[in-house]
Amino acid sequence: MLSTIDINYAKYSLMSDDFKDEYQFTLDYMKNAPEVKDYFSEKDISDLEFIQVKMMQECIINNDMEGLYEQITSLPQYSQEKLMKSMAYEVILTFKYIVDRVNQITELENEMLKSCAPGDDYTNIVEQVDFSVFPAYYTQMRELADGDITRFEQIKHIKYSDCLVELIYRQKQADFEKLVMRAQMKKP
């Protein structure tokens, strides 16, 4: 076990993989370990721009940790220059926090954006059309822009949490409209 975790991230990044594994093990299992939190920003991930959160989600879904590192360090509060001067444990625990938080946001999205209104089951038809060629965020961005491609760039820069609230509202409205239509169809 390491005697200290007090090294800066620049030094840590130059160390061997064995050292990095030992350092990570020490962080995970030491008594009085530092807290997993964001050491560099008071801003929650959901306050970032829509496209920033979506790109982080894509990187995590695709297990692209290099891409995730690039996404995170493209933000001023996580600039490489700032991280390299910081303690290694702060950077590692912040990245762990960000991954956990993005995963929580993804779970929230999956739960809140699924339809809860009974309707016709079009599963077999939908399976015949391959929408997987589009990035996951594209459908949401298209929905928010009301299909107007000229508004995509504007949507990308809206705060993620505002976009999510709007998407949830639209899903609930669509569920309500399905229920009203079903009720009208049942009337004699």
Protein backbone atom coordinates (compact mmCIF):
# COMPACT_ATOMS: atom_id res chain seq x y z
CA MET A 1 0.00 0.00 0.00
CA LEU A 2 1.22 3.50 -0.77
CA SER A 3 2.41 5.63 2.10
CA THR A 4 0.80 8.79 0.70
CA ILE A 5 -1.73 9.83 -1.89
CA ASP A 6 -0.37 13.38 -1.96
CA ILE A 7 1.00 13.59 -5.48
CA ASN A 8 -0.17 15.89 -8.21
CA TYR A 9 -2.01 14.59 -11.25
CA ALA A 10 0.85 15.48 -13.61
CA LYS A 11 3.18 13.14 -11.69
CA TYR A 12 0.46 10.48 -11.44
CA SER A 13 -0.17 10.58 -15.21
CA LEU A 14 3.52 9.77 -15.84
CA MET A 15 3.53 6.74 -13.56
CA SER A 16 3.34 3.12 -14.67
CA ASP A 17 0.02 1.29 -14.88
CA ASP A 18 1.05 -0.81 -11.86
CA PHE A 19 1.56 2.34 -9.81
CA LYS A 20 -1.77 3.74 -11.00
CA ASP A 21 -3.51 0.48 -10.00
CA GLU A 22 -1.86 0.60 -6.56
CA TYR A 23 -2.83 4.26 -6.18
CA GLN A 24 -6.44 3.50 -7.14
CA PHE A 25 -6.53 0.56 -4.71
CA THR A 26 -5.21 2.83 -1.96
CA LEU A 27 -7.91 5.42 -2.71
CA ASP A 28 -10.63 2.77 -2.69
CA TYR A 29 -9.64 1.05 0.54
CA MET A 30 -7.74 3.44 2.76
CA LYS A 31 -9.16 4.55 6.09
CA ASN A 32 -10.41 8.13 6.01
CA ALA A 33 -10.33 8.15 2.22
CA PRO A 34 -11.10 11.48 0.58
CA GLU A 35 -14.72 11.98 -0.41
CA VAL A 36 -15.92 11.19 -3.93
CA LYS A 37 -17.11 14.60 -5.07
CA ASP A 38 -16.46 17.32 -7.62
CA TYR A 39 -13.35 19.10 -6.37
CA PHE A 40 -13.36 21.65 -9.19
CA SER A 41 -16.88 22.94 -9.65
CA GLU A 42 -19.90 23.88 -7.59
CA LYS A 43 -22.03 23.48 -10.71
CA ASP A 44 -23.99 20.24 -11.03
CA ILE A 45 -23.57 18.24 -14.23
CA SER A 46 -27.24 18.87 -15.05
CA ASP A 47 -26.44 22.61 -15.25
CA LEU A 48 -24.06 22.06 -18.16
CA GLU A 49 -25.18 22.59 -21.75
CA PHE A 50 -27.41 19.91 -23.26
CA ILE A 51 -24.79 18.80 -25.79
CA GLN A 52 -22.06 18.55 -23.14
CA VAL A 53 -24.10 16.13 -21.03
CA LYS A 54 -25.20 14.18 -24.10
CA MET A 55 -21.63 13.76 -25.33
CA MET A 56 -20.56 12.51 -21.88
CA GLN A 57 -23.44 10.03 -21.94
CA GLU A 58 -22.36 8.80 -25.38
CA CYS A 59 -18.77 8.30 -24.19
CA ILE A 60 -19.89 6.32 -21.13
CA ILE A 61 -22.34 4.21 -23.15
CA ASN A 62 -19.57 3.42 -25.65
CA ASN A 63 -17.00 2.87 -22.86
CA ASP A 64 -14.85 5.57 -24.45
CA MET A 65 -12.93 6.85 -21.43
CA GLU A 66 -10.47 8.82 -23.57
CA GLY A 67 -13.38 10.59 -25.22
CA LEU A 68 -14.94 11.24 -21.82
CA TYR A 69 -11.64 12.72 -20.60
CA GLU A 70 -11.61 15.00 -23.66
CA GLN A 71 -15.22 16.03 -23.06
CA ILE A 72 -14.59 16.83 -19.41
CA THR A 73 -11.31 18.67 -19.97
CA SER A 74 -12.90 20.79 -22.70
CA LEU A 75 -14.85 22.51 -19.91
CA PRO A 76 -13.03 25.49 -18.32
CA GLN A 77 -13.48 24.25 -14.75
CA TYR A 78 -11.75 20.97 -15.69
CA SER A 79 -9.03 22.28 -18.00
CA GLN A 80 -6.00 20.04 -18.37
CA GLU A 81 -3.78 22.84 -17.09
CA LYS A 82 -5.84 23.08 -13.90
CA LEU A 83 -6.03 19.30 -13.43
CA MET A 84 -2.30 18.73 -13.90
CA LYS A 85 -1.57 21.09 -11.01
CA SER A 86 -4.16 19.45 -8.75
CA MET A 87 -3.82 16.49 -6.43
CA ALA A 88 -4.21 13.18 -8.24
CA TYR A 89 -6.88 11.96 -5.84
CA GLU A 90 -8.96 15.11 -6.50
CA VAL A 91 -8.91 14.47 -10.24
CA ILE A 92 -9.61 10.75 -9.95
CA LEU A 93 -12.44 11.18 -7.46
CA THR A 94 -13.93 14.04 -9.48
CA PHE A 95 -13.96 11.90 -12.63
CA LYS A 96 -15.55 9.06 -10.66
CA TYR A 97 -18.16 11.50 -9.36
CA ILE A 98 -18.87 12.80 -12.88
CA VAL A 99 -19.29 9.27 -14.27
CA ASP A 100 -21.62 8.35 -11.39
CA ARG A 101 -23.62 11.56 -11.86
CA VAL A 102 -23.94 11.11 -15.64
CA ASN A 103 -25.08 7.52 -15.04
CA GLN A 104 -27.71 8.80 -12.58
CA ILE A 105 -28.90 11.32 -15.16
CA THR A 106 -29.10 8.59 -17.78
CA GLU A 107 -31.16 6.39 -15.45
CA LEU A 108 -33.44 9.34 -14.66
CA GLU A 109 -33.92 10.00 -18.37
CA ASN A 110 -34.69 6.36 -19.08
CA GLU A 111 -37.25 6.27 -16.29
CA MET A 112 -38.89 9.64 -16.85
CA LEU A 113 -38.98 9.62 -20.65
CA LYS A 114 -40.64 6.25 -21.16
CA SER A 115 -44.29 6.27 -21.98
CA CYS A 116 -46.59 5.21 -19.19
CA ALA A 117 -49.84 5.50 -21.13
CA PRO A 118 -51.21 2.27 -22.53
CA GLY A 119 -51.35 2.31 -26.28
CA ASP A 120 -51.02 0.16 -29.31
CA ASP A 121 -47.89 -1.94 -29.23
CA TYR A 122 -45.81 -1.08 -32.27
CA THR A 123 -42.73 -2.97 -31.08
CA ASN A 124 -42.60 -5.29 -34.10
CA ILE A 125 -42.88 -2.40 -36.54
CA VAL A 126 -40.30 -0.27 -34.71
CA GLU A 127 -37.83 -3.18 -34.64
CA GLN A 128 -37.94 -3.26 -38.45
CA VAL A 129 -36.71 0.35 -38.66
CA ASP A 130 -33.09 0.85 -37.59
CA PHE A 131 -32.78 4.13 -35.69
CA SER A 132 -29.46 3.05 -34.17
CA VAL A 133 -27.58 4.87 -36.94
CA PHE A 134 -28.39 8.11 -35.10
CA PRO A 135 -26.61 9.14 -31.91
CA ALA A 136 -28.88 8.76 -28.87
CA TYR A 137 -29.04 12.51 -28.29
CA TYR A 138 -30.19 13.26 -31.87
CA THR A 139 -33.79 12.21 -31.27
CA GLN A 140 -34.04 14.36 -28.17
CA MET A 141 -32.46 17.33 -29.89
CA ARG A 142 -34.83 16.90 -32.83
CA GLU A 143 -37.79 16.77 -30.44
CA LEU A 144 -36.68 19.94 -28.65
CA ALA A 145 -36.17 21.75 -31.97
CA ASP A 146 -39.61 20.61 -33.19
CA GLY A 147 -37.85 19.00 -36.15
CA ASP A 148 -36.31 22.33 -37.24
CA ILE A 149 -32.68 21.50 -38.02
CA THR A 150 -31.77 25.19 -38.04
CA ARG A 151 -32.44 25.27 -34.27
CA PHE A 152 -30.13 22.34 -33.39
CA GLU A 153 -27.13 24.54 -32.62
CA GLN A 154 -29.27 26.70 -30.33
CA ILE A 155 -30.62 23.62 -28.50
CA LYS A 156 -27.12 22.27 -27.88
CA HIS A 157 -26.29 25.24 -25.66
CA ILE A 158 -29.40 25.24 -23.48
CA LYS A 159 -28.86 24.03 -19.92
CA TYR A 160 -29.34 20.25 -19.80
CA SER A 161 -31.77 20.30 -16.85
CA ASP A 162 -34.06 22.73 -18.71
CA CYS A 163 -34.04 20.43 -21.75
CA LEU A 164 -34.81 17.39 -19.61
CA VAL A 165 -37.78 19.10 -17.93
CA GLU A 166 -39.17 20.03 -21.36
CA LEU A 167 -38.69 16.48 -22.67
CA ILE A 168 -40.45 15.03 -19.61
CA TYR A 169 -43.31 17.50 -20.05
CA ARG A 170 -43.68 16.54 -23.71
CA GLN A 171 -43.69 12.84 -22.82
CA LYS A 172 -46.38 13.36 -20.19
CA GLN A 173 -48.41 15.46 -22.63
CA ALA A 174 -48.16 12.71 -25.26
CA ASP A 175 -49.26 10.14 -22.65
CA PHE A 176 -52.22 12.34 -21.73
CA GLU A 177 -53.23 12.73 -25.38
CA LYS A 178 -53.07 8.94 -25.86
CA LEU A 179 -55.32 8.42 -22.86
CA VAL A 180 -57.83 11.04 -24.08
CA MET A 181 -57.87 9.47 -27.56
CA ARG A 182 -58.42 5.98 -26.09
CA ALA A 183 -61.25 7.30 -23.91
CA GLN A 184 -62.90 8.95 -26.92
CA MET A 185 -62.61 5.76 -28.96
CA LYS A 186 -64.41 3.81 -26.22
CA LYS A 187 -67.39 6.18 -26.20
CA PRO A 188 -70.45 4.80 -28.02
